Amino acid sequence: MVVVTNPAEYSFVKFRNSTTTGKKYDAMLYNKKAKRYMIVPFGSAEYPQYEDQTGLGTYSHLNTFSKERRRLYKLRHEKTRHNKFSSSWFSDRYLW
């Protein structure tokens, strides 16, 4: 899992289909201090999600809208889903 140590230094740029095997999307971030881009892959391509809200819709055919699955996902990832700009944070906000 990718974790950004200082989220204040980053700004979100866009989503794209992931180039990482087994991942659904990449979030592109820009580091204002270092003036470089960072890619954060997120979402397992093997599993469905509650609702694809990335705007790309590549995996929206895997939407389940199951409130029970959503509840269990959020419970399982409670420790990591609040770290801003982490893989878990993007999955929580845009897929679950």
PDB file of N, CA and C in Angstrom:
ATOM      1  N   MET A   1       0.843  -1.175   0.000  1.00  0.00           N
ATOM      2  CA  MET A   1       0.000   0.000   0.000  1.00  0.00           C
ATOM      3  C   MET A   1       0.889   1.239   0.000  1.00  0.00           C
ATOM      4  N   VAL A   2       0.552   2.188  -0.845  1.00  0.00           N
ATOM      5  CA  VAL A   2       1.278   3.451  -0.918  1.00  0.00           C
ATOM      6  C   VAL A   2       0.707   4.404   0.132  1.00  0.00           C
ATOM      7  N   VAL A   3       1.608   5.017   0.908  1.00  0.00           N
ATOM      8  CA  VAL A   3       1.204   5.983   1.922  1.00  0.00           C
ATOM      9  C   VAL A   3       1.988   7.268   1.702  1.00  0.00           C
ATOM     10  N   VAL A   4       1.295   8.388   1.650  1.00  0.00           N
ATOM     11  CA  VAL A   4       1.921   9.695   1.503  1.00  0.00           C
ATOM     12  C   VAL A   4       2.203  10.222   2.904  1.00  0.00           C
ATOM     13  N   THR A   5       3.481  10.556   3.172  1.00  0.00           N
ATOM     14  CA  THR A   5       3.858  10.971   4.524  1.00  0.00           C
ATOM     15  C   THR A   5       3.393  12.382   4.864  1.00  0.00           C
ATOM     16  N   ASN A   6       3.393  13.299   3.900  1.00  0.00           N
ATOM     17  CA  ASN A   6       2.952  14.661   4.156  1.00  0.00           C
ATOM     18  C   ASN A   6       1.955  15.091   3.079  1.00  0.00           C
ATOM     19  N   PRO A   7       0.665  14.801   3.272  1.00  0.00           N
ATOM     20  CA  PRO A   7      -0.332  15.085   2.236  1.00  0.00           C
ATOM     21  C   PRO A   7      -0.463  16.556   1.863  1.00  0.00           C
ATOM     22  N   ALA A   8      -0.041  17.464   2.734  1.00  0.00           N
ATOM     23  CA  ALA A   8      -0.144  18.895   2.434  1.00  0.00           C
ATOM     24  C   ALA A   8       0.767  19.292   1.269  1.00  0.00           C
ATOM     25  N   GLU A   9       1.791  18.498   1.016  1.00  0.00           N
ATOM     26  CA  GLU A   9       2.724  18.790  -0.082  1.00  0.00           C
ATOM     27  C   GLU A   9       2.193  18.319  -1.436  1.00  0.00           C
ATOM     28  N   TYR A  10       1.087  17.594  -1.451  1.00  0.00           N
ATOM     29  CA  TYR A  10       0.574  16.999  -2.678  1.00  0.00           C
ATOM     30  C   TYR A  10      -0.763  17.596  -3.084  1.00  0.00           C
ATOM     31  N   SER A  11      -0.998  17.559  -4.373  1.00  0.00           N
ATOM     32  CA  SER A  11      -2.327  17.906  -4.880  1.00  0.00           C
ATOM     33  C   SER A  11      -2.746  16.814  -5.862  1.00  0.00           C
ATOM     34  N   PHE A  12      -4.027  16.511  -5.856  1.00  0.00           N
ATOM     35  CA  PHE A  12      -4.568  15.496  -6.753  1.00  0.00           C
ATOM     36  C   PHE A  12      -4.658  16.063  -8.169  1.00  0.00           C
ATOM     37  N   VAL A  13      -4.246  15.260  -9.160  1.00  0.00           N
ATOM     38  CA  VAL A  13      -4.279  15.699 -10.557  1.00  0.00           C
ATOM     39  C   VAL A  13      -5.401  15.010 -11.316  1.00  0.00           C
ATOM     40  N   LYS A  14      -5.366  13.652 -11.371  1.00  0.00           N
ATOM     41  CA  LYS A  14      -6.391  12.917 -12.117  1.00  0.00           C
ATOM     42  C   LYS A  14      -6.297  11.426 -11.846  1.00  0.00           C
ATOM     43  N   PHE A  15      -7.326  10.702 -12.300  1.00  0.00           N
ATOM     44  CA  PHE A  15      -7.326   9.239 -12.297  1.00  0.00           C
ATOM     45  C   PHE A  15      -7.021   8.756 -13.699  1.00  0.00           C
ATOM     46  N   ARG A  16      -6.457   7.559 -13.772  1.00  0.00           N
ATOM     47  CA  ARG A  16      -6.261   6.883 -15.057  1.00  0.00           C
ATOM     48  C   ARG A  16      -6.362   5.391 -14.813  1.00  0.00           C
ATOM     49  N   ASN A  17      -6.569   4.622 -15.870  1.00  0.00           N
ATOM     50  CA  ASN A  17      -6.565   3.171 -15.736  1.00  0.00           C
ATOM     51  C   ASN A  17      -5.160   2.753 -15.326  1.00  0.00           C
ATOM     52  N   SER A  18      -5.077   1.808 -14.413  1.00  0.00           N
ATOM     53  CA  SER A  18      -3.787   1.449 -13.830  1.00  0.00           C
ATOM     54  C   SER A  18      -2.893   0.690 -14.795  1.00  0.00           C
ATOM     55  N   THR A  19      -1.611   0.968 -14.680  1.00  0.00           N
ATOM     56  CA  THR A  19      -0.593   0.225 -15.428  1.00  0.00           C
ATOM     57  C   THR A  19       0.017  -0.855 -14.539  1.00  0.00           C
ATOM     58  N   THR A  20      -0.403  -0.909 -13.271  1.00  0.00           N
ATOM     59  CA  THR A  20       0.073  -1.908 -12.323  1.00  0.00           C
ATOM     60  C   THR A  20      -0.802  -3.152 -12.429  1.00  0.00           C
ATOM     61  N   THR A  21      -0.195  -4.294 -12.616  1.00  0.00           N
ATOM     62  CA  THR A  21      -0.927  -5.550 -12.731  1.00  0.00           C
ATOM     63  C   THR A  21      -1.764  -5.801 -11.475  1.00  0.00           C
ATOM     64  N   GLY A  22      -3.034  -6.115 -11.679  1.00  0.00           N
ATOM     65  CA  GLY A  22      -3.922  -6.444 -10.574  1.00  0.00           C
ATOM     66  C   GLY A  22      -4.611  -5.251  -9.935  1.00  0.00           C
ATOM     67  N   LYS A  23      -4.350  -4.037 -10.417  1.00  0.00           N
ATOM     68  CA  LYS A  23      -4.973  -2.839  -9.862  1.00  0.00           C
ATOM     69  C   LYS A  23      -5.922  -2.220 -10.880  1.00  0.00           C
ATOM     70  N   LYS A  24      -6.970  -1.559 -10.385  1.00  0.00           N
ATOM     71  CA  LYS A  24      -7.978  -0.958 -11.258  1.00  0.00           C
ATOM     72  C   LYS A  24      -7.545   0.410 -11.772  1.00  0.00           C
ATOM     73  N   TYR A  25      -7.158   1.281 -10.869  1.00  0.00           N
ATOM     74  CA  TYR A  25      -6.880   2.670 -11.228  1.00  0.00           C
ATOM     75  C   TYR A  25      -5.579   3.164 -10.612  1.00  0.00           C
ATOM     76  N   ASP A  26      -5.057   4.230 -11.179  1.00  0.00           N
ATOM     77  CA  ASP A  26      -3.944   4.981 -10.612  1.00  0.00           C
ATOM     78  C   ASP A  26      -4.439   6.381 -10.318  1.00  0.00           C
ATOM     79  N   ALA A  27      -4.071   6.902  -9.168  1.00  0.00           N
ATOM     80  CA  ALA A  27      -4.332   8.304  -8.845  1.00  0.00           C
ATOM     81  C   ALA A  27      -3.019   9.039  -9.068  1.00  0.00           C
ATOM     82  N   MET A  28      -3.062  10.094  -9.842  1.00  0.00           N
ATOM     83  CA  MET A  28      -1.860  10.867 -10.101  1.00  0.00           C
ATOM     84  C   MET A  28      -1.852  12.068  -9.158  1.00  0.00           C
ATOM     85  N   LEU A  29      -0.764  12.181  -8.396  1.00  0.00           N
ATOM     86  CA  LEU A  29      -0.588  13.277  -7.453  1.00  0.00           C
ATOM     87  C   LEU A  29       0.617  14.107  -7.872  1.00  0.00           C
ATOM     88  N   TYR A  30       0.588  15.382  -7.547  1.00  0.00           N
ATOM     89  CA  TYR A  30       1.720  16.258  -7.845  1.00  0.00           C
ATOM     90  C   TYR A  30       2.305  16.758  -6.536  1.00  0.00           C
ATOM     91  N   ASN A  31       3.610  16.545  -6.353  1.00  0.00           N
ATOM     92  CA  ASN A  31       4.310  17.030  -5.174  1.00  0.00           C
ATOM     93  C   ASN A  31       4.760  18.461  -5.454  1.00  0.00           C
ATOM     94  N   LYS A  32       4.156  19.413  -4.757  1.00  0.00           N
ATOM     95  CA  LYS A  32       4.422  20.830  -4.993  1.00  0.00           C
ATOM     96  C   LYS A  32       5.841  21.222  -4.594  1.00  0.00           C
ATOM     97  N   LYS A  33       6.355  20.583  -3.567  1.00  0.00           N
ATOM     98  CA  LYS A  33       7.694  20.908  -3.073  1.00  0.00           C
ATOM     99  C   LYS A  33       8.790  20.354  -3.991  1.00  0.00           C
ATOM    100  N   ALA A  34       8.672  19.075  -4.342  1.00  0.00           N
ATOM    101  CA  ALA A  34       9.686  18.423  -5.179  1.00  0.00           C
ATOM    102  C   ALA A  34       9.437  18.638  -6.673  1.00  0.00           C
ATOM    103  N   LYS A  35       8.246  19.151  -7.010  1.00  0.00           N
ATOM    104  CA  LYS A  35       7.852  19.379  -8.405  1.00  0.00           C
ATOM    105  C   LYS A  35       7.942  18.091  -9.241  1.00  0.00           C
ATOM    106  N   ARG A  36       7.376  17.016  -8.653  1.00  0.00           N
ATOM    107  CA  ARG A  36       7.338  15.724  -9.332  1.00  0.00           C
ATOM    108  C   ARG A  36       5.961  15.104  -9.178  1.00  0.00           C
ATOM    109  N   TYR A  37       5.661  14.173 -10.068  1.00  0.00           N
ATOM    110  CA  TYR A  37       4.407  13.434 -10.005  1.00  0.00           C
ATOM    111  C   TYR A  37       4.621  12.126  -9.259  1.00  0.00           C
ATOM    112  N   MET A  38       3.571  11.681  -8.608  1.00  0.00           N
ATOM    113  CA  MET A  38       3.583  10.396  -7.899  1.00  0.00           C
ATOM    114  C   MET A  38       2.329   9.637  -8.299  1.00  0.00           C
ATOM    115  N   ILE A  39       2.463   8.351  -8.522  1.00  0.00           N
ATOM    116  CA  ILE A  39       1.346   7.495  -8.919  1.00  0.00           C
ATOM    117  C   ILE A  39       0.981   6.591  -7.742  1.00  0.00           C
ATOM    118  N   VAL A  40      -0.315   6.562  -7.412  1.00  0.00           N
ATOM    119  CA  VAL A  40      -0.812   5.714  -6.331  1.00  0.00           C
ATOM    120  C   VAL A  40      -1.818   4.728  -6.926  1.00  0.00           C
ATOM    121  N   PRO A  41      -1.408   3.456  -7.128  1.00  0.00           N
ATOM    122  CA  PRO A  41      -2.358   2.458  -7.635  1.00  0.00           C
ATOM    123  C   PRO A  41      -3.326   2.039  -6.532  1.00  0.00           C
ATOM    124  N   PHE A  42      -4.581   1.788  -6.919  1.00  0.00           N
ATOM    125  CA  PHE A  42      -5.570   1.369  -5.916  1.00  0.00           C
ATOM    126  C   PHE A  42      -6.671   0.542  -6.563  1.00  0.00           C
ATOM    127  N   GLY A  43      -7.359  -0.236  -5.728  1.00  0.00           N
ATOM    128  CA  GLY A  43      -8.483  -1.063  -6.163  1.00  0.00           C
ATOM    129  C   GLY A  43      -8.030  -2.362  -6.807  1.00  0.00           C
ATOM    130  N   SER A  44      -8.354  -3.472  -6.193  1.00  0.00           N
ATOM    131  CA  SER A  44      -8.003  -4.772  -6.753  1.00  0.00           C
ATOM    132  C   SER A  44      -8.911  -5.093  -7.942  1.00  0.00           C
ATOM    133  N   ALA A  45      -8.296  -5.438  -9.057  1.00  0.00           N
ATOM    134  CA  ALA A  45      -9.053  -5.763 -10.267  1.00  0.00           C
ATOM    135  C   ALA A  45      -9.785  -7.094 -10.136  1.00  0.00           C
ATOM    136  N   GLU A  46      -9.449  -7.881  -9.127  1.00  0.00           N
ATOM    137  CA  GLU A  46     -10.064  -9.194  -8.940  1.00  0.00           C
ATOM    138  C   GLU A  46     -11.429  -9.131  -8.244  1.00  0.00           C
ATOM    139  N   TYR A  47     -11.733  -8.008  -7.597  1.00  0.00           N
ATOM    140  CA  TYR A  47     -12.940  -7.937  -6.778  1.00  0.00           C
ATOM    141  C   TYR A  47     -13.871  -6.808  -7.216  1.00  0.00           C
ATOM    142  N   PRO A  48     -15.166  -6.975  -6.979  1.00  0.00           N
ATOM    143  CA  PRO A  48     -16.107  -5.881  -7.255  1.00  0.00           C
ATOM    144  C   PRO A  48     -15.998  -4.799  -6.188  1.00  0.00           C
ATOM    145  N   GLN A  49     -16.639  -3.682  -6.419  1.00  0.00           N
ATOM    146  CA  GLN A  49     -16.672  -2.579  -5.461  1.00  0.00           C
ATOM    147  C   GLN A  49     -18.115  -2.167  -5.257  1.00  0.00           C
ATOM    148  N   TYR A  50     -18.338  -1.282  -4.284  1.00  0.00           N
ATOM    149  CA  TYR A  50     -19.696  -0.799  -4.035  1.00  0.00           C
ATOM    150  C   TYR A  50     -20.172   0.044  -5.212  1.00  0.00           C
ATOM    151  N   GLU A  51     -19.420   1.100  -5.541  1.00  0.00           N
ATOM    152  CA  GLU A  51     -19.773   1.947  -6.676  1.00  0.00           C
ATOM    153  C   GLU A  51     -18.524   2.663  -7.180  1.00  0.00           C
ATOM    154  N   ASP A  52     -18.256   2.551  -8.474  1.00  0.00           N
ATOM    155  CA  ASP A  52     -17.115   3.211  -9.106  1.00  0.00           C
ATOM    156  C   ASP A  52     -17.451   4.682  -9.302  1.00  0.00           C
ATOM    157  N   GLN A  53     -16.799   5.562  -8.531  1.00  0.00           N
ATOM    158  CA  GLN A  53     -17.056   6.994  -8.609  1.00  0.00           C
ATOM    159  C   GLN A  53     -15.851   7.782  -9.114  1.00  0.00           C
ATOM    160  N   THR A  54     -14.963   7.127  -9.851  1.00  0.00           N
ATOM    161  CA  THR A  54     -13.758   7.793 -10.329  1.00  0.00           C
ATOM    162  C   THR A  54     -14.046   8.721 -11.507  1.00  0.00           C
ATOM    163  N   GLY A  55     -15.162   8.514 -12.167  1.00  0.00           N
ATOM    164  CA  GLY A  55     -15.468   9.293 -13.355  1.00  0.00           C
ATOM    165  C   GLY A  55     -15.017   8.605 -14.627  1.00  0.00           C
ATOM    166  N   LEU A  56     -14.152   7.605 -14.506  1.00  0.00           N
ATOM    167  CA  LEU A  56     -13.696   6.860 -15.680  1.00  0.00           C
ATOM    168  C   LEU A  56     -14.681   5.755 -16.045  1.00  0.00           C
ATOM    169  N   GLY A  57     -15.225   5.090 -15.046  1.00  0.00           N
ATOM    170  CA  GLY A  57     -16.249   4.069 -15.268  1.00  0.00           C
ATOM    171  C   GLY A  57     -15.777   2.776 -15.896  1.00  0.00           C
ATOM    172  N   THR A  58     -14.480   2.566 -15.941  1.00  0.00           N
ATOM    173  CA  THR A  58     -13.939   1.350 -16.548  1.00  0.00           C
ATOM    174  C   THR A  58     -14.433   0.090 -15.847  1.00  0.00           C
ATOM    175  N   TYR A  59     -14.581   0.162 -14.533  1.00  0.00           N
ATOM    176  CA  TYR A  59     -14.985  -1.006 -13.753  1.00  0.00           C
ATOM    177  C   TYR A  59     -16.386  -0.866 -13.173  1.00  0.00           C
ATOM    178  N   SER A  60     -17.200   0.022 -13.709  1.00  0.00           N
ATOM    179  CA  SER A  60     -18.545   0.205 -13.155  1.00  0.00           C
ATOM    180  C   SER A  60     -19.437  -1.021 -13.369  1.00  0.00           C
ATOM    181  N   HIS A  61     -19.064  -1.910 -14.269  1.00  0.00           N
ATOM    182  CA  HIS A  61     -19.831  -3.152 -14.432  1.00  0.00           C
ATOM    183  C   HIS A  61     -19.649  -4.077 -13.228  1.00  0.00           C
ATOM    184  N   LEU A  62     -18.674  -3.775 -12.357  1.00  0.00           N
ATOM    185  CA  LEU A  62     -18.449  -4.566 -11.147  1.00  0.00           C
ATOM    186  C   LEU A  62     -19.092  -3.950  -9.906  1.00  0.00           C
ATOM    187  N   ASN A  63     -19.904  -2.915 -10.083  1.00  0.00           N
ATOM    188  CA  ASN A  63     -20.609  -2.308  -8.952  1.00  0.00           C
ATOM    189  C   ASN A  63     -21.585  -3.314  -8.349  1.00  0.00           C
ATOM    190  N   THR A  64     -21.593  -3.407  -7.012  1.00  0.00           N
ATOM    191  CA  THR A  64     -22.504  -4.347  -6.355  1.00  0.00           C
ATOM    192  C   THR A  64     -23.646  -3.632  -5.635  1.00  0.00           C
ATOM    193  N   PHE A  65     -23.413  -2.427  -5.146  1.00  0.00           N
ATOM    194  CA  PHE A  65     -24.381  -1.673  -4.354  1.00  0.00           C
ATOM    195  C   PHE A  65     -24.862  -2.471  -3.136  1.00  0.00           C
ATOM    196  N   SER A  66     -24.006  -3.395  -2.668  1.00  0.00           N
ATOM    197  CA  SER A  66     -24.320  -4.205  -1.490  1.00  0.00           C
ATOM    198  C   SER A  66     -23.857  -3.464  -0.235  1.00  0.00           C
ATOM    199  N   LYS A  67     -24.802  -3.043   0.584  1.00  0.00           N
ATOM    200  CA  LYS A  67     -24.472  -2.302   1.802  1.00  0.00           C
ATOM    201  C   LYS A  67     -23.717  -3.174   2.806  1.00  0.00           C
ATOM    202  N   GLU A  68     -23.993  -4.450   2.805  1.00  0.00           N
ATOM    203  CA  GLU A  68     -23.285  -5.360   3.713  1.00  0.00           C
ATOM    204  C   GLU A  68     -21.817  -5.498   3.310  1.00  0.00           C
ATOM    205  N   ARG A  69     -21.537  -5.669   2.022  1.00  0.00           N
ATOM    206  CA  ARG A  69     -20.143  -5.750   1.548  1.00  0.00           C
ATOM    207  C   ARG A  69     -19.405  -4.447   1.845  1.00  0.00           C
ATOM    208  N   ARG A  70     -20.108  -3.330   1.665  1.00  0.00           N
ATOM    209  CA  ARG A  70     -19.511  -2.018   1.930  1.00  0.00           C
ATOM    210  C   ARG A  70     -19.158  -1.882   3.410  1.00  0.00           C
ATOM    211  N   ARG A  71     -20.074  -2.277   4.262  1.00  0.00           N
ATOM    212  CA  ARG A  71     -19.839  -2.198   5.712  1.00  0.00           C
ATOM    213  C   ARG A  71     -18.632  -3.041   6.115  1.00  0.00           C
ATOM    214  N   LEU A  72     -18.551  -4.259   5.580  1.00  0.00           N
ATOM    215  CA  LEU A  72     -17.447  -5.152   5.907  1.00  0.00           C
ATOM    216  C   LEU A  72     -16.112  -4.629   5.373  1.00  0.00           C
ATOM    217  N   TYR A  73     -16.120  -4.032   4.188  1.00  0.00           N
ATOM    218  CA  TYR A  73     -14.893  -3.447   3.627  1.00  0.00           C
ATOM    219  C   TYR A  73     -14.384  -2.331   4.537  1.00  0.00           C
ATOM    220  N   LYS A  74     -15.286  -1.430   4.913  1.00  0.00           N
ATOM    221  CA  LYS A  74     -14.890  -0.292   5.745  1.00  0.00           C
ATOM    222  C   LYS A  74     -14.408  -0.757   7.126  1.00  0.00           C
ATOM    223  N   LEU A  75     -15.006  -1.784   7.658  1.00  0.00           N
ATOM    224  CA  LEU A  75     -14.583  -2.345   8.932  1.00  0.00           C
ATOM    225  C   LEU A  75     -13.185  -2.965   8.816  1.00  0.00           C
ATOM    226  N   ARG A  76     -12.953  -3.681   7.734  1.00  0.00           N
ATOM    227  CA  ARG A  76     -11.684  -4.366   7.512  1.00  0.00           C
ATOM    228  C   ARG A  76     -10.526  -3.374   7.308  1.00  0.00           C
ATOM    229  N   HIS A  77     -10.809  -2.219   6.713  1.00  0.00           N
ATOM    230  CA  HIS A  77      -9.756  -1.249   6.388  1.00  0.00           C
ATOM    231  C   HIS A  77      -9.785  -0.022   7.295  1.00  0.00           C
ATOM    232  N   GLU A  78     -10.380  -0.130   8.440  1.00  0.00           N
ATOM    233  CA  GLU A  78     -10.549   1.015   9.338  1.00  0.00           C
ATOM    234  C   GLU A  78      -9.231   1.683   9.726  1.00  0.00           C
ATOM    235  N   LYS A  79      -8.178   0.916   9.928  1.00  0.00           N
ATOM    236  CA  LYS A  79      -6.909   1.484  10.379  1.00  0.00           C
ATOM    237  C   LYS A  79      -6.188   2.291   9.305  1.00  0.00           C
ATOM    238  N   THR A  80      -6.383   1.961   8.052  1.00  0.00           N
ATOM    239  CA  THR A  80      -5.591   2.604   6.997  1.00  0.00           C
ATOM    240  C   THR A  80      -6.379   3.535   6.090  1.00  0.00           C
ATOM    241  N   ARG A  81      -7.697   3.470   6.111  1.00  0.00           N
ATOM    242  CA  ARG A  81      -8.476   4.227   5.133  1.00  0.00           C
ATOM    243  C   ARG A  81      -8.560   5.719   5.407  1.00  0.00           C
ATOM    244  N   HIS A  82      -8.013   6.179   6.518  1.00  0.00           N
ATOM    245  CA  HIS A  82      -8.066   7.598   6.853  1.00  0.00           C
ATOM    246  C   HIS A  82      -6.759   8.329   6.535  1.00  0.00           C
ATOM    247  N   ASN A  83      -5.741   7.604   6.040  1.00  0.00           N
ATOM    248  CA  ASN A  83      -4.465   8.216   5.661  1.00  0.00           C
ATOM    249  C   ASN A  83      -4.623   8.879   4.295  1.00  0.00           C
ATOM    250  N   LYS A  84      -4.726  10.207   4.279  1.00  0.00           N
ATOM    251  CA  LYS A  84      -5.024  10.936   3.047  1.00  0.00           C
ATOM    252  C   LYS A  84      -4.028  10.615   1.935  1.00  0.00           C
ATOM    253  N   PHE A  85      -4.564  10.377   0.756  1.00  0.00           N
ATOM    254  CA  PHE A  85      -3.841  10.065  -0.481  1.00  0.00           C
ATOM    255  C   PHE A  85      -3.167   8.692  -0.471  1.00  0.00           C
ATOM    256  N   SER A  86      -3.522   7.812   0.462  1.00  0.00           N
ATOM    257  CA  SER A  86      -2.997   6.446   0.428  1.00  0.00           C
ATOM    258  C   SER A  86      -3.876   5.609  -0.507  1.00  0.00           C
ATOM    259  N   SER A  87      -3.406   4.439  -0.873  1.00  0.00           N
ATOM    260  CA  SER A  87      -4.183   3.527  -1.717  1.00  0.00           C
ATOM    261  C   SER A  87      -5.528   3.213  -1.076  1.00  0.00           C
ATOM    262  N   SER A  88      -5.485   2.967   0.224  1.00  0.00           N
ATOM    263  CA  SER A  88      -6.695   2.635   0.964  1.00  0.00           C
ATOM    264  C   SER A  88      -7.665   3.819   0.996  1.00  0.00           C
ATOM    265  N   TRP A  89      -7.142   5.033   1.116  1.00  0.00           N
ATOM    266  CA  TRP A  89      -7.970   6.247   1.138  1.00  0.00           C
ATOM    267  C   TRP A  89      -8.703   6.428  -0.186  1.00  0.00           C
ATOM    268  N   PHE A  90      -7.992   6.234  -1.308  1.00  0.00           N
ATOM    269  CA  PHE A  90      -8.625   6.365  -2.619  1.00  0.00           C
ATOM    270  C   PHE A  90      -9.688   5.283  -2.829  1.00  0.00           C
ATOM    271  N   SER A  91      -9.385   4.052  -2.432  1.00  0.00           N
ATOM    272  CA  SER A  91     -10.367   2.974  -2.558  1.00  0.00           C
ATOM    273  C   SER A  91     -11.611   3.273  -1.733  1.00  0.00           C
ATOM    274  N   ASP A  92     -11.400   3.735  -0.515  1.00  0.00           N
ATOM    275  CA  ASP A  92     -12.518   4.036   0.371  1.00  0.00           C
ATOM    276  C   ASP A  92     -13.392   5.155  -0.194  1.00  0.00           C
ATOM    277  N   ARG A  93     -12.790   6.199  -0.683  1.00  0.00           N
ATOM    278  CA  ARG A  93     -13.564   7.359  -1.172  1.00  0.00           C
ATOM    279  C   ARG A  93     -14.195   7.164  -2.543  1.00  0.00           C
ATOM    280  N   TYR A  94     -13.503   6.475  -3.436  1.00  0.00           N
ATOM    281  CA  TYR A  94     -13.971   6.421  -4.826  1.00  0.00           C
ATOM    282  C   TYR A  94     -14.511   5.070  -5.274  1.00  0.00           C
ATOM    283  N   LEU A  95     -14.304   4.026  -4.480  1.00  0.00           N
ATOM    284  CA  LEU A  95     -14.854   2.723  -4.852  1.00  0.00           C
ATOM    285  C   LEU A  95     -15.823   2.187  -3.801  1.00  0.00           C
ATOM    286  N   TRP A  96     -15.656   2.548  -2.546  1.00  0.00           N
ATOM    287  CA  TRP A  96     -16.499   2.017  -1.478  1.00  0.00           C
ATOM    288  C   TRP A  96     -17.287   3.099  -0.824  1.00  0.00           C
TER     289      TRP A  96
END
